[in-house]
Structures are given as structure tokens and as C-alpha cells.
């Protein structure tokens, strides 16, 4: 997992300064109102999607990721698009007070490829 995390950190040079100063990074608020992406959330979502793909859970996500990567020519860009879908279904589940729907997640992902 640490190797996977370090690979994603390398692919995000915009976070290198923040990650070099973890105490300072943890003291900041990362809010949409400030126009900032939370680097820890972003990297965690990369890790989550990578793990989902590696175990093909929900079933079919690996194939979707492969097709999207091929279409975009970049695993990184494919994951960024997948991240939007994951974030949306997480937000909906939270708003509705329910569980994340793998079906809605896969449905959203299929629309990407």
C-alpha cells in the first residue's frame, strides 16, 4: 500500500511541498470555498480506486478502468474521471443517510467509457 501511495504522490507534484511539511499541511482547511482540493482526500481516492481495480470490486470495475485508460491514454486521467463518479455516489449516500450503491457507481463509471 505504501508503494502504491508513493506512486500516486509522485504523480501529483502540486502536493510535494505540502507533503514535505506534514504538520503545516494538517493544520490547513481544504474547502471548496477556498478553491483548494484536499490533497489527502485526493490521494486516498486514488488508493481506493486502485484497490477496487486490483480486486475487481465492484465486479466489472477493472474492465471499465482498462477501457477508460485506453480511451484516455492515461491511467491517471482515467482515475480522475472515476474519482468524480466515486465522489458523487459517496455524496449521494451521505445525503440520503444510506450506503454507497455499487450499482449506481458502476452505472456512472460505464458512462465514462
Protein backbone atom coordinates (compact mmCIF):
# COMPACT_ATOMS: atom_id res chain seq x y z
CA UNK A 1 0.00 0.00 0.00
CA UNK A 2 2.88 2.36 0.80
CA UNK A 3 4.38 1.76 -2.66
CA UNK A 4 1.04 2.46 -4.28
CA UNK A 5 0.68 5.64 -2.22
CA UNK A 6 4.17 6.82 -3.12
CA UNK A 7 3.45 6.25 -6.83
CA UNK A 8 0.36 8.46 -6.65
CA UNK A 9 2.24 11.09 -4.63
CA UNK A 10 4.92 11.20 -7.33
CA UNK A 11 2.25 11.78 -9.96
CA UNK A 12 1.00 14.84 -8.08
CA UNK A 13 3.92 17.30 -7.91
CA UNK A 14 1.47 20.03 -6.89
CA UNK A 15 1.27 18.30 -3.48
CA UNK A 16 5.01 17.78 -2.92
CA UNK A 17 5.53 20.97 -0.90
CA UNK A 18 2.51 20.20 1.28
CA UNK A 19 3.61 16.62 1.84
CA UNK A 20 7.12 17.77 2.73
CA UNK A 21 5.62 19.70 5.65
CA UNK A 22 3.00 17.33 7.13
CA UNK A 23 2.37 19.41 10.25
CA UNK A 24 1.59 22.50 8.21
CA UNK A 25 -0.49 20.53 5.75
CA UNK A 26 -2.62 19.05 8.51
CA UNK A 27 -3.28 22.49 10.00
CA UNK A 28 -4.89 23.77 6.79
CA UNK A 29 -8.56 23.66 5.91
CA UNK A 30 -9.16 22.41 2.40
CA UNK A 31 -12.55 23.72 1.43
CA UNK A 32 -14.17 24.19 -1.96
CA UNK A 33 -14.91 27.79 -0.97
CA UNK A 34 -11.18 28.43 -0.87
CA UNK A 35 -10.77 26.71 -4.23
CA UNK A 36 -8.49 24.05 -2.81
CA UNK A 37 -8.53 20.32 -3.24
CA UNK A 38 -7.79 18.32 -0.12
CA UNK A 39 -4.59 16.50 -1.12
CA UNK A 40 -5.16 13.77 1.46
CA UNK A 41 -8.66 13.07 0.20
CA UNK A 42 -7.48 13.15 -3.41
CA UNK A 43 -4.63 10.71 -2.82
CA UNK A 44 -6.87 8.49 -0.68
CA UNK A 45 -9.37 8.29 -3.52
CA UNK A 46 -6.58 7.24 -5.89
CA UNK A 47 -5.68 4.49 -3.42
CA UNK A 48 -9.30 3.41 -3.04
CA UNK A 49 -9.85 3.20 -6.78
CA UNK A 50 -6.54 1.36 -7.27
CA UNK A 51 -7.59 -1.19 -4.66
CA UNK A 52 -11.04 -1.56 -6.22
CA UNK A 53 -9.44 -2.23 -9.60
CA UNK A 54 -6.91 -4.70 -8.17
CA UNK A 55 -9.63 -6.87 -6.60
CA UNK A 56 -12.27 -6.08 -9.26
CA UNK A 57 -14.74 -4.88 -6.66
CA UNK A 58 -17.38 -3.95 -7.52
CA UNK A 59 -17.27 -6.62 -10.22
CA UNK A 60 -16.58 -5.08 -13.60
CA UNK A 61 -14.60 -2.06 -12.40
CA UNK A 62 -11.31 -3.50 -13.65
CA UNK A 63 -12.61 -3.81 -17.20
CA UNK A 64 -14.13 -0.33 -17.08
CA UNK A 65 -10.84 1.12 -15.80
CA UNK A 66 -8.86 -0.64 -18.54
CA UNK A 67 -11.17 0.65 -21.28
CA UNK A 68 -11.14 4.17 -19.89
CA UNK A 69 -7.34 4.14 -19.54
CA UNK A 70 -7.03 3.02 -23.15
CA UNK A 71 -9.54 5.66 -24.32
CA UNK A 72 -7.75 8.48 -22.48
CA UNK A 73 -4.21 7.15 -22.89
CA UNK A 74 -3.57 7.68 -19.19
CA UNK A 75 -4.30 5.67 -16.06
CA UNK A 76 -4.01 8.87 -14.07
CA UNK A 77 -6.62 10.73 -16.10
CA UNK A 78 -8.87 7.67 -16.08
CA UNK A 79 -8.73 7.60 -12.30
CA UNK A 80 -9.52 11.29 -12.08
CA UNK A 81 -12.70 10.72 -14.06
CA UNK A 82 -13.53 7.65 -11.97
CA UNK A 83 -12.94 9.75 -8.86
CA UNK A 84 -15.74 12.09 -9.90
CA UNK A 85 -18.13 9.13 -10.04
CA UNK A 86 -16.98 7.79 -6.69
CA UNK A 87 -17.30 11.20 -5.08
CA UNK A 88 -20.80 11.64 -6.47
CA UNK A 89 -22.12 8.30 -5.20
CA UNK A 90 -20.44 8.87 -1.83
CA UNK A 91 -22.07 12.29 -1.56
CA UNK A 92 -25.48 10.86 -2.51
CA UNK A 93 -25.18 8.06 0.04
CA UNK A 94 -24.21 10.52 2.73
CA UNK A 95 -27.00 12.94 1.81
CA UNK A 96 -29.58 10.12 1.86
CA UNK A 97 -28.18 8.56 5.03
CA UNK A 98 -27.70 5.24 3.30
CA UNK A 99 -24.96 3.03 1.97
CA UNK A 100 -22.94 3.58 -1.16
CA UNK A 101 -24.65 1.90 -4.09
CA UNK A 102 -22.24 -0.24 -6.13
CA UNK A 103 -24.85 -0.35 -8.88
CA UNK A 104 -25.04 3.45 -9.15
CA UNK A 105 -21.25 3.63 -9.04
CA UNK A 106 -20.84 1.13 -11.88
CA UNK A 107 -23.60 2.81 -13.86
CA UNK A 108 -21.79 6.15 -13.60
CA UNK A 109 -18.46 4.55 -14.49
CA UNK A 110 -19.89 2.82 -17.56
CA UNK A 111 -20.97 6.20 -18.91
CA UNK A 112 -17.30 7.26 -18.97
CA UNK A 113 -16.05 4.56 -21.34
